[in-house]
Amino acid sequence: MPYSLAIFDLDGTLVDSFPWFLRTINDIADRFGFRRVADEDVEGLRHAPTREILNRLEVPLWKLPAIARHARRLKGEAAADISLFPGTEAMLRTLSDSGVQLALVSSDSEANARAKLGASAARFSHFDCAASVFGKPAKFRRVIRRAGVAPQKVISIGDEVRDIEAARAVGIACGAVSWGYAAPAALRALAPDYMFAQMHEIADPICRTSA
């Protein structure tokens, strides 16, 4: 099927924020009273779905909105230290120049997202940012509705298990990148439509089918 809308995740997909996360997570844990992440915990957490991660770290669900707000503020302050992955700008340029609408769905704020994307932010037609009690499926549905595109012409691209699950929930195609937060094996286990090992691989299947 041709794809005329590509919905991207931000952290771990387009921007390299995992090092920032590892530097920051234990300060956030101390502030909000959940379990700290030891070095030996990291790989196991990369193989776990979101709810299991929250359970392992003993994060109370009622604290999530406050934790998300605090993390967004810290991330905004560290924006200069969080950069795009190499090849991101060229990939986004290829897609937009080929007529593919671009959307960004993230739990980060739109201001933070635009700051990280820099000049590439102008290539995005749709942003749906900040935390949502209904999660990514609701955000995907809003973006698809605004874009006026049939679900079968939409692909989402992310780096976590929940990105694949959200795409399946709304009936759109999905691609997973191997360089983000989740371990590649955890992503492959859910059989995404595409598994990308390098940034430059993303544009080809979308542009090839979008003509």
N, C-alpha and C. Protein backbone atom coordinates (compact mmCIF):
# COMPACT_ATOMS: atom_id res chain seq x y z
N MET A 1 0.84 -1.20 0.00
CA MET A 1 0.00 0.00 0.00
C MET A 1 0.88 1.26 0.00
N PRO A 2 0.46 2.32 -0.69
CA PRO A 2 1.23 3.56 -0.64
C PRO A 2 1.06 4.25 0.70
N TYR A 3 2.13 4.85 1.21
CA TYR A 3 2.08 5.60 2.46
C TYR A 3 2.16 7.08 2.14
N SER A 4 1.17 7.83 2.55
CA SER A 4 1.18 9.27 2.31
C SER A 4 1.35 10.06 3.61
N LEU A 5 1.35 9.35 4.76
CA LEU A 5 1.59 9.99 6.06
C LEU A 5 2.52 9.11 6.87
N ALA A 6 3.61 9.70 7.36
CA ALA A 6 4.55 9.00 8.23
C ALA A 6 4.53 9.67 9.60
N ILE A 7 4.19 8.91 10.63
CA ILE A 7 4.12 9.42 12.00
C ILE A 7 5.37 8.96 12.74
N PHE A 8 6.15 9.91 13.23
CA PHE A 8 7.39 9.59 13.91
C PHE A 8 7.29 9.79 15.42
N ASP A 9 7.93 8.89 16.14
CA ASP A 9 8.27 9.11 17.54
C ASP A 9 9.49 10.03 17.56
N LEU A 10 9.79 10.62 18.70
CA LEU A 10 10.92 11.55 18.78
C LEU A 10 12.13 10.92 19.48
N ASP A 11 12.02 10.71 20.80
CA ASP A 11 13.16 10.24 21.58
C ASP A 11 13.52 8.80 21.22
N GLY A 12 14.79 8.59 20.90
CA GLY A 12 15.25 7.26 20.54
C GLY A 12 15.01 6.90 19.10
N THR A 13 14.21 7.70 18.40
CA THR A 13 13.93 7.46 16.98
C THR A 13 14.62 8.51 16.11
N LEU A 14 14.33 9.78 16.39
CA LEU A 14 14.96 10.87 15.65
C LEU A 14 16.06 11.55 16.44
N VAL A 15 15.92 11.60 17.77
CA VAL A 15 16.93 12.27 18.59
C VAL A 15 17.55 11.28 19.58
N ASP A 16 18.82 11.46 19.83
CA ASP A 16 19.60 10.54 20.66
C ASP A 16 19.54 10.97 22.12
N SER A 17 18.41 10.69 22.77
CA SER A 17 18.21 11.13 24.15
C SER A 17 18.47 10.05 25.18
N PHE A 18 18.80 8.83 24.76
CA PHE A 18 19.01 7.75 25.73
C PHE A 18 20.17 8.04 26.69
N PRO A 19 21.29 8.59 26.21
CA PRO A 19 22.36 8.94 27.16
C PRO A 19 21.88 9.95 28.21
N TRP A 20 21.08 10.94 27.79
CA TRP A 20 20.51 11.89 28.75
C TRP A 20 19.62 11.17 29.76
N PHE A 21 18.80 10.24 29.27
CA PHE A 21 17.91 9.48 30.14
C PHE A 21 18.71 8.73 31.21
N LEU A 22 19.79 8.07 30.81
CA LEU A 22 20.59 7.31 31.77
C LEU A 22 21.25 8.21 32.80
N ARG A 23 21.64 9.42 32.38
CA ARG A 23 22.26 10.37 33.32
C ARG A 23 21.23 10.94 34.30
N THR A 24 19.97 10.96 33.90
CA THR A 24 18.95 11.72 34.63
C THR A 24 18.00 10.86 35.45
N ILE A 25 17.79 9.61 35.04
CA ILE A 25 16.71 8.80 35.60
C ILE A 25 16.80 8.63 37.12
N ASN A 26 18.01 8.48 37.66
CA ASN A 26 18.09 8.25 39.10
C ASN A 26 17.82 9.51 39.92
N ASP A 27 18.12 10.66 39.37
CA ASP A 27 17.73 11.91 40.04
C ASP A 27 16.20 12.03 40.08
N ILE A 28 15.56 11.65 38.98
CA ILE A 28 14.09 11.67 38.94
C ILE A 28 13.53 10.63 39.91
N ALA A 29 14.17 9.46 39.97
CA ALA A 29 13.72 8.41 40.88
C ALA A 29 13.79 8.88 42.34
N ASP A 30 14.87 9.55 42.69
CA ASP A 30 15.00 10.05 44.06
C ASP A 30 13.94 11.10 44.38
N ARG A 31 13.66 11.94 43.41
CA ARG A 31 12.69 13.01 43.64
C ARG A 31 11.27 12.47 43.83
N PHE A 32 10.93 11.41 43.06
CA PHE A 32 9.55 10.93 43.07
C PHE A 32 9.39 9.59 43.80
N GLY A 33 10.46 9.09 44.38
CA GLY A 33 10.35 7.94 45.27
C GLY A 33 10.13 6.59 44.60
N PHE A 34 10.68 6.40 43.39
CA PHE A 34 10.63 5.06 42.82
C PHE A 34 12.04 4.48 42.76
N ARG A 35 12.16 3.23 42.35
CA ARG A 35 13.42 2.51 42.44
C ARG A 35 14.44 3.06 41.45
N ARG A 36 15.69 3.21 41.90
CA ARG A 36 16.77 3.66 41.04
C ARG A 36 17.13 2.57 40.03
N VAL A 37 17.72 2.98 38.91
CA VAL A 37 18.12 2.05 37.87
C VAL A 37 19.63 1.81 37.97
N ALA A 38 20.00 0.57 38.29
CA ALA A 38 21.42 0.21 38.34
C ALA A 38 21.91 -0.10 36.92
N ASP A 39 23.22 0.01 36.73
CA ASP A 39 23.78 -0.25 35.40
C ASP A 39 23.37 -1.63 34.88
N GLU A 40 23.34 -2.61 35.78
CA GLU A 40 23.02 -3.97 35.34
C GLU A 40 21.53 -4.15 35.03
N ASP A 41 20.71 -3.16 35.37
CA ASP A 41 19.27 -3.24 35.08
C ASP A 41 18.93 -2.80 33.66
N VAL A 42 19.80 -2.01 33.06
CA VAL A 42 19.44 -1.30 31.83
C VAL A 42 19.06 -2.26 30.71
N GLU A 43 19.88 -3.28 30.46
CA GLU A 43 19.59 -4.16 29.32
C GLU A 43 18.29 -4.91 29.52
N GLY A 44 18.01 -5.34 30.73
CA GLY A 44 16.75 -6.03 30.99
C GLY A 44 15.55 -5.14 30.76
N LEU A 45 15.67 -3.88 31.15
CA LEU A 45 14.57 -2.93 30.94
C LEU A 45 14.35 -2.66 29.46
N ARG A 46 15.41 -2.71 28.68
CA ARG A 46 15.27 -2.48 27.23
C ARG A 46 14.48 -3.60 26.55
N HIS A 47 14.36 -4.75 27.20
CA HIS A 47 13.61 -5.87 26.64
C HIS A 47 12.18 -5.92 27.16
N ALA A 48 11.82 -5.03 28.06
CA ALA A 48 10.52 -5.10 28.73
C ALA A 48 9.53 -4.09 28.14
N PRO A 49 8.23 -4.44 28.10
CA PRO A 49 7.21 -3.46 27.69
C PRO A 49 7.03 -2.39 28.77
N THR A 50 6.37 -1.30 28.40
CA THR A 50 6.27 -0.14 29.29
C THR A 50 5.69 -0.48 30.65
N ARG A 51 4.59 -1.21 30.68
CA ARG A 51 3.96 -1.51 31.98
C ARG A 51 4.88 -2.33 32.87
N GLU A 52 5.61 -3.25 32.28
CA GLU A 52 6.54 -4.05 33.08
C GLU A 52 7.68 -3.18 33.62
N ILE A 53 8.14 -2.22 32.82
CA ILE A 53 9.18 -1.30 33.29
C ILE A 53 8.68 -0.53 34.51
N LEU A 54 7.46 -0.02 34.42
CA LEU A 54 6.89 0.72 35.54
C LEU A 54 6.76 -0.17 36.78
N ASN A 55 6.38 -1.42 36.58
CA ASN A 55 6.27 -2.35 37.71
C ASN A 55 7.62 -2.65 38.33
N ARG A 56 8.62 -2.87 37.49
CA ARG A 56 9.96 -3.18 38.01
C ARG A 56 10.54 -2.02 38.80
N LEU A 57 10.27 -0.81 38.33
CA LEU A 57 10.82 0.36 39.01
C LEU A 57 9.90 0.84 40.14
N GLU A 58 8.75 0.18 40.30
CA GLU A 58 7.80 0.50 41.36
C GLU A 58 7.34 1.97 41.26
N VAL A 59 6.96 2.34 40.03
CA VAL A 59 6.47 3.69 39.77
C VAL A 59 4.95 3.70 39.94
N PRO A 60 4.42 4.44 40.92
CA PRO A 60 2.96 4.53 41.07
C PRO A 60 2.35 5.24 39.87
N LEU A 61 1.29 4.67 39.29
CA LEU A 61 0.69 5.27 38.10
C LEU A 61 0.19 6.68 38.34
N TRP A 62 -0.26 6.95 39.57
CA TRP A 62 -0.80 8.28 39.84
C TRP A 62 0.27 9.36 39.81
N LYS A 63 1.54 8.95 39.91
CA LYS A 63 2.64 9.92 39.86
C LYS A 63 3.11 10.22 38.44
N LEU A 64 2.65 9.44 37.48
CA LEU A 64 3.17 9.58 36.12
C LEU A 64 3.02 10.99 35.54
N PRO A 65 1.86 11.66 35.69
CA PRO A 65 1.76 13.01 35.12
C PRO A 65 2.81 13.97 35.68
N ALA A 66 3.03 13.92 36.99
CA ALA A 66 4.03 14.81 37.61
C ALA A 66 5.43 14.45 37.15
N ILE A 67 5.71 13.15 37.05
CA ILE A 67 7.03 12.71 36.58
C ILE A 67 7.25 13.18 35.15
N ALA A 68 6.23 13.05 34.31
CA ALA A 68 6.35 13.46 32.91
C ALA A 68 6.59 14.97 32.79
N ARG A 69 5.87 15.76 33.60
CA ARG A 69 6.08 17.21 33.56
C ARG A 69 7.50 17.57 33.97
N HIS A 70 7.97 16.94 35.03
CA HIS A 70 9.34 17.22 35.52
C HIS A 70 10.37 16.81 34.46
N ALA A 71 10.18 15.63 33.85
CA ALA A 71 11.12 15.16 32.84
C ALA A 71 11.13 16.09 31.63
N ARG A 72 9.95 16.58 31.23
CA ARG A 72 9.90 17.52 30.10
C ARG A 72 10.68 18.79 30.41
N ARG A 73 10.56 19.28 31.65
CA ARG A 73 11.28 20.49 32.02
C ARG A 73 12.79 20.25 31.97
N LEU A 74 13.23 19.13 32.54
CA LEU A 74 14.66 18.81 32.52
C LEU A 74 15.17 18.63 31.09
N LYS A 75 14.36 18.00 30.27
CA LYS A 75 14.77 17.77 28.89
C LYS A 75 14.87 19.08 28.13
N GLY A 76 13.97 20.00 28.43
CA GLY A 76 14.04 21.32 27.80
C GLY A 76 15.32 22.05 28.18
N GLU A 77 15.71 21.93 29.45
CA GLU A 77 16.94 22.58 29.91
C GLU A 77 18.18 21.95 29.28
N ALA A 78 18.08 20.67 28.90
CA ALA A 78 19.23 19.95 28.34
C ALA A 78 19.18 19.85 26.82
N ALA A 79 18.29 20.64 26.19
CA ALA A 79 18.07 20.50 24.74
C ALA A 79 19.36 20.62 23.94
N ALA A 80 20.27 21.47 24.38
CA ALA A 80 21.52 21.68 23.64
C ALA A 80 22.40 20.44 23.66
N ASP A 81 22.17 19.55 24.65
CA ASP A 81 22.99 18.34 24.78
C ASP A 81 22.35 17.12 24.13
N ILE A 82 21.15 17.28 23.55
CA ILE A 82 20.44 16.16 22.92
C ILE A 82 20.35 16.45 21.43
N SER A 83 21.02 15.64 20.64
CA SER A 83 21.12 15.94 19.21
C SER A 83 20.36 14.93 18.37
N LEU A 84 20.09 15.32 17.13
CA LEU A 84 19.50 14.41 16.16
C LEU A 84 20.48 13.29 15.84
N PHE A 85 19.96 12.11 15.58
CA PHE A 85 20.81 11.04 15.09
C PHE A 85 21.36 11.43 13.71
N PRO A 86 22.57 11.02 13.40
CA PRO A 86 23.11 11.30 12.06
C PRO A 86 22.18 10.77 10.97
N GLY A 87 21.98 11.56 9.96
CA GLY A 87 21.15 11.17 8.83
C GLY A 87 19.68 11.51 8.97
N THR A 88 19.27 12.02 10.14
CA THR A 88 17.86 12.33 10.35
C THR A 88 17.37 13.42 9.40
N GLU A 89 18.13 14.51 9.31
CA GLU A 89 17.70 15.63 8.47
C GLU A 89 17.55 15.21 7.01
N ALA A 90 18.51 14.43 6.51
CA ALA A 90 18.44 13.99 5.11
C ALA A 90 17.25 13.07 4.88
N MET A 91 16.98 12.19 5.84
CA MET A 91 15.84 11.27 5.70
C MET A 91 14.53 12.03 5.68
N LEU A 92 14.36 12.98 6.59
CA LEU A 92 13.13 13.76 6.64
C LEU A 92 12.97 14.61 5.38
N ARG A 93 14.05 15.14 4.89
CA ARG A 93 14.01 15.95 3.66
C ARG A 93 13.56 15.09 2.48
N THR A 94 14.09 13.88 2.38
CA THR A 94 13.71 12.99 1.29
C THR A 94 12.22 12.67 1.33
N LEU A 95 11.70 12.40 2.53
CA LEU A 95 10.28 12.08 2.64
C LEU A 95 9.40 13.27 2.28
N SER A 96 9.70 14.43 2.85
CA SER A 96 8.84 15.60 2.59
C SER A 96 8.93 16.05 1.14
N ASP A 97 10.13 15.98 0.56
CA ASP A 97 10.29 16.36 -0.85
C ASP A 97 9.57 15.38 -1.78
N SER A 98 9.29 14.18 -1.28
CA SER A 98 8.56 13.18 -2.07
C SER A 98 7.06 13.28 -1.89
N GLY A 99 6.61 14.26 -1.09
CA GLY A 99 5.18 14.48 -0.92
C GLY A 99 4.56 13.73 0.24
N VAL A 100 5.36 13.10 1.09
CA VAL A 100 4.84 12.39 2.25
C VAL A 100 4.61 13.40 3.38
N GLN A 101 3.41 13.43 3.94
CA GLN A 101 3.15 14.26 5.11
C GLN A 101 3.89 13.68 6.32
N LEU A 102 4.46 14.56 7.13
CA LEU A 102 5.18 14.12 8.33
C LEU A 102 4.44 14.57 9.58
N ALA A 103 4.35 13.68 10.55
CA ALA A 103 3.74 14.00 11.83
C ALA A 103 4.65 13.54 12.95
N LEU A 104 4.60 14.23 14.08
CA LEU A 104 5.39 13.86 15.24
C LEU A 104 4.45 13.61 16.40
N VAL A 105 4.59 12.44 17.02
CA VAL A 105 3.81 12.09 18.21
C VAL A 105 4.80 11.78 19.32
N SER A 106 4.71 12.53 20.42
CA SER A 106 5.68 12.39 21.50
C SER A 106 5.06 12.76 22.83
N SER A 107 5.59 12.18 23.90
CA SER A 107 5.17 12.59 25.24
C SER A 107 5.90 13.84 25.69
N ASP A 108 6.92 14.25 24.94
CA ASP A 108 7.62 15.50 25.23
C ASP A 108 6.73 16.67 24.80
N SER A 109 7.10 17.89 25.19
CA SER A 109 6.33 19.06 24.78
C SER A 109 6.65 19.41 23.33
N GLU A 110 5.73 20.10 22.68
CA GLU A 110 5.98 20.52 21.30
C GLU A 110 7.16 21.49 21.23
N ALA A 111 7.28 22.35 22.24
CA ALA A 111 8.41 23.29 22.26
C ALA A 111 9.73 22.55 22.30
N ASN A 112 9.83 21.53 23.18
CA ASN A 112 11.06 20.73 23.25
C ASN A 112 11.30 20.01 21.93
N ALA A 113 10.25 19.45 21.36
CA ALA A 113 10.39 18.72 20.11
C ALA A 113 10.91 19.62 18.99
N ARG A 114 10.33 20.81 18.88
CA ARG A 114 10.77 21.73 17.83
C ARG A 114 12.23 22.16 18.06
N ALA A 115 12.60 22.36 19.33
CA ALA A 115 13.98 22.76 19.62
C ALA A 115 14.96 21.66 19.21
N LYS A 116 14.60 20.41 19.45
CA LYS A 116 15.49 19.30 19.10
C LYS A 116 15.56 19.09 17.60
N LEU A 117 14.44 19.26 16.93
CA LEU A 117 14.41 19.06 15.49
C LEU A 117 15.10 20.17 14.73
N GLY A 118 15.14 21.36 15.31
CA GLY A 118 15.77 22.49 14.63
C GLY A 118 15.05 22.84 13.34
N ALA A 119 15.81 23.07 12.30
CA ALA A 119 15.22 23.47 11.01
C ALA A 119 14.30 22.39 10.45
N SER A 120 14.54 21.13 10.83
CA SER A 120 13.70 20.04 10.32
C SER A 120 12.27 20.09 10.84
N ALA A 121 12.03 20.85 11.91
CA ALA A 121 10.67 20.96 12.45
C ALA A 121 9.70 21.51 11.41
N ALA A 122 10.21 22.35 10.52
CA ALA A 122 9.35 22.96 9.50
C ALA A 122 8.82 21.94 8.50
N ARG A 123 9.42 20.78 8.44
CA ARG A 123 8.97 19.74 7.52
C ARG A 123 7.76 18.97 8.05
N PHE A 124 7.44 19.15 9.34
CA PHE A 124 6.33 18.43 9.95
C PHE A 124 5.04 19.23 9.83
N SER A 125 4.01 18.57 9.34
CA SER A 125 2.70 19.21 9.21
C SER A 125 1.85 19.08 10.46
N HIS A 126 2.15 18.07 11.29
CA HIS A 126 1.31 17.78 12.44
C HIS A 126 2.16 17.42 13.65
N PHE A 127 1.80 17.98 14.80
CA PHE A 127 2.43 17.65 16.08
C PHE A 127 1.33 17.25 17.06
N ASP A 128 1.54 16.16 17.78
CA ASP A 128 0.66 15.79 18.89
C ASP A 128 1.57 15.39 20.04
N CYS A 129 1.80 16.33 20.92
CA CYS A 129 2.81 16.15 21.96
C CYS A 129 2.21 16.22 23.36
N ALA A 130 3.05 15.98 24.36
CA ALA A 130 2.71 15.95 25.79
C ALA A 130 2.02 14.64 26.13
N ALA A 131 1.96 14.35 27.43
CA ALA A 131 1.39 13.10 27.91
C ALA A 131 -0.11 13.06 27.65
N SER A 132 -0.62 11.84 27.46
CA SER A 132 -2.05 11.65 27.23
C SER A 132 -2.54 10.47 28.05
N VAL A 133 -3.67 10.64 28.74
CA VAL A 133 -4.20 9.55 29.53
C VAL A 133 -4.66 8.39 28.64
N PHE A 134 -4.92 8.67 27.37
CA PHE A 134 -5.37 7.62 26.45
C PHE A 134 -4.22 7.04 25.63
N GLY A 135 -3.00 7.55 25.83
CA GLY A 135 -1.84 6.97 25.19
C GLY A 135 -1.69 7.28 23.72
N LYS A 136 -0.74 6.57 23.09
CA LYS A 136 -0.42 6.84 21.69
C LYS A 136 -1.53 6.49 20.71
N PRO A 137 -2.32 5.45 20.93
CA PRO A 137 -3.39 5.20 19.95
C PRO A 137 -4.29 6.41 19.72
N ALA A 138 -4.65 7.10 20.81
CA ALA A 138 -5.50 8.29 20.66
C ALA A 138 -4.79 9.38 19.88
N LYS A 139 -3.50 9.54 20.13
CA LYS A 139 -2.73 10.55 19.40
C LYS A 139 -2.65 10.20 17.92
N PHE A 140 -2.40 8.92 17.63
CA PHE A 140 -2.35 8.49 16.23
C PHE A 140 -3.68 8.79 15.53
N ARG A 141 -4.79 8.47 16.19
CA ARG A 141 -6.10 8.71 15.57
C ARG A 141 -6.31 10.20 15.29
N ARG A 142 -5.91 11.06 16.24
CA ARG A 142 -6.08 12.51 16.02
C ARG A 142 -5.26 12.98 14.83
N VAL A 143 -4.02 12.53 14.75
CA VAL A 143 -3.14 12.95 13.66
C VAL A 143 -3.69 12.47 12.31
N ILE A 144 -4.12 11.22 12.27
CA ILE A 144 -4.66 10.67 11.02
C ILE A 144 -5.90 11.45 10.58
N ARG A 145 -6.74 11.80 11.56
CA ARG A 145 -7.95 12.57 11.23
C ARG A 145 -7.59 13.96 10.70
N ARG A 146 -6.65 14.62 11.34
CA ARG A 146 -6.23 15.95 10.88
C ARG A 146 -5.61 15.89 9.49
N ALA A 147 -4.85 14.84 9.23
CA ALA A 147 -4.16 14.73 7.94
C ALA A 147 -5.11 14.35 6.82
N GLY A 148 -6.28 13.81 7.18
CA GLY A 148 -7.25 13.41 6.17
C GLY A 148 -6.77 12.24 5.33
N VAL A 149 -6.09 11.29 5.98
CA VAL A 149 -5.49 10.16 5.27
C VAL A 149 -6.14 8.87 5.78
N ALA A 150 -6.40 7.94 4.88
CA ALA A 150 -6.94 6.64 5.27
C ALA A 150 -5.88 5.86 6.04
N PRO A 151 -6.26 5.11 7.09
CA PRO A 151 -5.28 4.38 7.90
C PRO A 151 -4.35 3.48 7.09
N GLN A 152 -4.84 2.89 6.01
CA GLN A 152 -3.99 1.99 5.23
C GLN A 152 -2.88 2.74 4.48
N LYS A 153 -2.94 4.08 4.50
CA LYS A 153 -1.89 4.86 3.85
C LYS A 153 -0.97 5.53 4.87
N VAL A 154 -0.99 5.02 6.10
CA VAL A 154 -0.22 5.62 7.19
C VAL A 154 0.77 4.61 7.73
N ILE A 155 1.97 5.08 8.06
CA ILE A 155 2.97 4.25 8.73
C ILE A 155 3.51 5.03 9.92
N SER A 156 3.69 4.35 11.03
CA SER A 156 4.33 4.96 12.19
C SER A 156 5.72 4.35 12.36
N ILE A 157 6.64 5.16 12.87
CA ILE A 157 8.02 4.71 13.04
C ILE A 157 8.47 5.10 14.44
N GLY A 158 8.87 4.09 15.23
CA GLY A 158 9.29 4.35 16.60
C GLY A 158 10.34 3.37 17.06
N ASP A 159 10.69 3.48 18.34
CA ASP A 159 11.78 2.66 18.87
C ASP A 159 11.38 1.83 20.09
N GLU A 160 10.07 1.79 20.41
CA GLU A 160 9.63 1.06 21.59
C GLU A 160 8.50 0.10 21.26
N VAL A 161 8.33 -0.87 22.15
CA VAL A 161 7.26 -1.84 22.01
C VAL A 161 5.90 -1.15 21.92
N ARG A 162 5.71 -0.12 22.75
CA ARG A 162 4.41 0.56 22.76
C ARG A 162 4.10 1.25 21.44
N ASP A 163 5.13 1.63 20.67
CA ASP A 163 4.90 2.23 19.35
C ASP A 163 4.27 1.22 18.40
N ILE A 164 4.78 -0.02 18.43
CA ILE A 164 4.22 -1.07 17.59
C ILE A 164 2.81 -1.40 18.04
N GLU A 165 2.62 -1.53 19.35
CA GLU A 165 1.29 -1.85 19.88
C GLU A 165 0.26 -0.79 19.52
N ALA A 166 0.66 0.48 19.59
CA ALA A 166 -0.25 1.57 19.25
C ALA A 166 -0.62 1.53 17.77
N ALA A 167 0.35 1.25 16.91
CA ALA A 167 0.07 1.17 15.47
C ALA A 167 -0.91 0.04 15.19
N ARG A 168 -0.69 -1.11 15.82
CA ARG A 168 -1.60 -2.24 15.62
C ARG A 168 -3.01 -1.88 16.11
N ALA A 169 -3.08 -1.13 17.21
CA ALA A 169 -4.39 -0.80 17.79
C ALA A 169 -5.24 0.06 16.87
N VAL A 170 -4.59 0.88 16.03
CA VAL A 170 -5.35 1.76 15.14
C VAL A 170 -5.32 1.30 13.68
N GLY A 171 -4.70 0.15 13.43
CA GLY A 171 -4.74 -0.43 12.10
C GLY A 171 -3.85 0.23 11.07
N ILE A 172 -2.66 0.69 11.50
CA ILE A 172 -1.72 1.28 10.55
C ILE A 172 -0.43 0.45 10.52
N ALA A 173 0.35 0.64 9.46
CA ALA A 173 1.62 -0.05 9.35
C ALA A 173 2.61 0.54 10.35
N CYS A 174 3.65 -0.23 10.65
CA CYS A 174 4.65 0.29 11.60
C CYS A 174 6.05 -0.16 11.23
N GLY A 175 6.98 0.72 11.50
CA GLY A 175 8.39 0.42 11.35
C GLY A 175 9.07 0.64 12.69
N ALA A 176 10.06 -0.18 13.00
CA ALA A 176 10.79 -0.06 14.26
C ALA A 176 12.27 0.16 13.98
N VAL A 177 12.89 1.05 14.74
CA VAL A 177 14.31 1.33 14.57
C VAL A 177 15.10 0.61 15.66
N SER A 178 16.29 0.18 15.31
CA SER A 178 17.08 -0.66 16.21
C SER A 178 18.03 0.12 17.11
N TRP A 179 18.06 1.46 16.97
CA TRP A 179 19.05 2.26 17.68
C TRP A 179 18.48 3.02 18.89
N GLY A 180 17.25 2.73 19.28
CA GLY A 180 16.62 3.52 20.33
C GLY A 180 16.60 2.88 21.70
N TYR A 181 15.52 3.11 22.43
CA TYR A 181 15.42 2.67 23.82
C TYR A 181 15.22 1.16 23.95
N ALA A 182 14.35 0.58 23.16
CA ALA A 182 14.07 -0.85 23.28
C ALA A 182 15.11 -1.68 22.55
N ALA A 183 15.36 -2.87 23.07
CA ALA A 183 16.29 -3.80 22.43
C ALA A 183 15.71 -4.28 21.11
N PRO A 184 16.54 -4.40 20.07
CA PRO A 184 16.02 -4.87 18.77
C PRO A 184 15.26 -6.19 18.86
N ALA A 185 15.72 -7.11 19.71
CA ALA A 185 15.04 -8.40 19.83
C ALA A 185 13.62 -8.24 20.35
N ALA A 186 13.40 -7.30 21.26
CA ALA A 186 12.07 -7.07 21.80
C ALA A 186 11.14 -6.52 20.72
N LEU A 187 11.68 -5.72 19.83
CA LEU A 187 10.89 -5.16 18.73
C LEU A 187 10.59 -6.22 17.67
N ARG A 188 11.60 -7.00 17.31
CA ARG A 188 11.40 -8.04 16.29
C ARG A 188 10.36 -9.06 16.74
N ALA A 189 10.28 -9.30 18.04
CA ALA A 189 9.33 -10.29 18.57
C ALA A 189 7.89 -9.92 18.24
N LEU A 190 7.62 -8.63 18.02
CA LEU A 190 6.27 -8.18 17.69
C LEU A 190 6.04 -8.07 16.18
N ALA A 191 7.04 -8.44 15.40
CA ALA A 191 6.92 -8.51 13.94
C ALA A 191 6.42 -7.21 13.32
N PRO A 192 7.17 -6.09 13.49
CA PRO A 192 6.77 -4.86 12.80
C PRO A 192 6.85 -5.06 11.29
N ASP A 193 6.17 -4.20 10.54
CA ASP A 193 6.19 -4.33 9.08
C ASP A 193 7.58 -4.08 8.52
N TYR A 194 8.32 -3.19 9.17
CA TYR A 194 9.70 -2.91 8.76
C TYR A 194 10.57 -2.83 10.01
N MET A 195 11.80 -3.32 9.88
CA MET A 195 12.80 -3.18 10.95
C MET A 195 13.99 -2.46 10.33
N PHE A 196 14.29 -1.28 10.87
CA PHE A 196 15.34 -0.45 10.29
C PHE A 196 16.60 -0.50 11.15
N ALA A 197 17.73 -0.83 10.51
CA ALA A 197 19.02 -0.88 11.21
C ALA A 197 19.79 0.42 11.07
N GLN A 198 19.46 1.21 10.04
CA GLN A 198 20.15 2.47 9.81
C GLN A 198 19.14 3.52 9.35
N MET A 199 19.43 4.78 9.68
CA MET A 199 18.50 5.87 9.39
C MET A 199 18.17 5.97 7.90
N HIS A 200 19.16 5.80 7.05
CA HIS A 200 18.93 6.00 5.62
C HIS A 200 18.00 4.94 5.02
N GLU A 201 17.75 3.85 5.75
CA GLU A 201 16.87 2.80 5.24
C GLU A 201 15.39 3.20 5.29
N ILE A 202 15.06 4.19 6.11
CA ILE A 202 13.64 4.52 6.35
C ILE A 202 12.96 5.06 5.10
N ALA A 203 13.60 5.98 4.41
CA ALA A 203 12.93 6.68 3.31
C ALA A 203 12.59 5.78 2.13
N ASP A 204 13.44 4.82 1.86
CA ASP A 204 13.28 4.05 0.61
C ASP A 204 11.94 3.34 0.50
N PRO A 205 11.53 2.50 1.47
CA PRO A 205 10.24 1.80 1.28
C PRO A 205 9.04 2.72 1.29
N ILE A 206 9.14 3.86 1.98
CA ILE A 206 8.02 4.80 2.01
C ILE A 206 7.93 5.58 0.71
N CYS A 207 9.05 6.12 0.27
CA CYS A 207 9.06 6.89 -0.98
C CYS A 207 8.80 6.01 -2.18
N ARG A 208 9.29 4.79 -2.16
CA ARG A 208 9.11 3.88 -3.28
C ARG A 208 7.64 3.55 -3.48
N THR A 209 6.87 3.55 -2.39
CA THR A 209 5.46 3.17 -2.51
C THR A 209 4.52 4.37 -2.49
N SER A 210 5.08 5.59 -2.30
CA SER A 210 4.20 6.75 -2.15
C SER A 210 3.90 7.46 -3.47
N ALA A 211 4.56 7.03 -4.54
CA ALA A 211 4.36 7.70 -5.83
C ALA A 211 2.96 7.42 -6.36
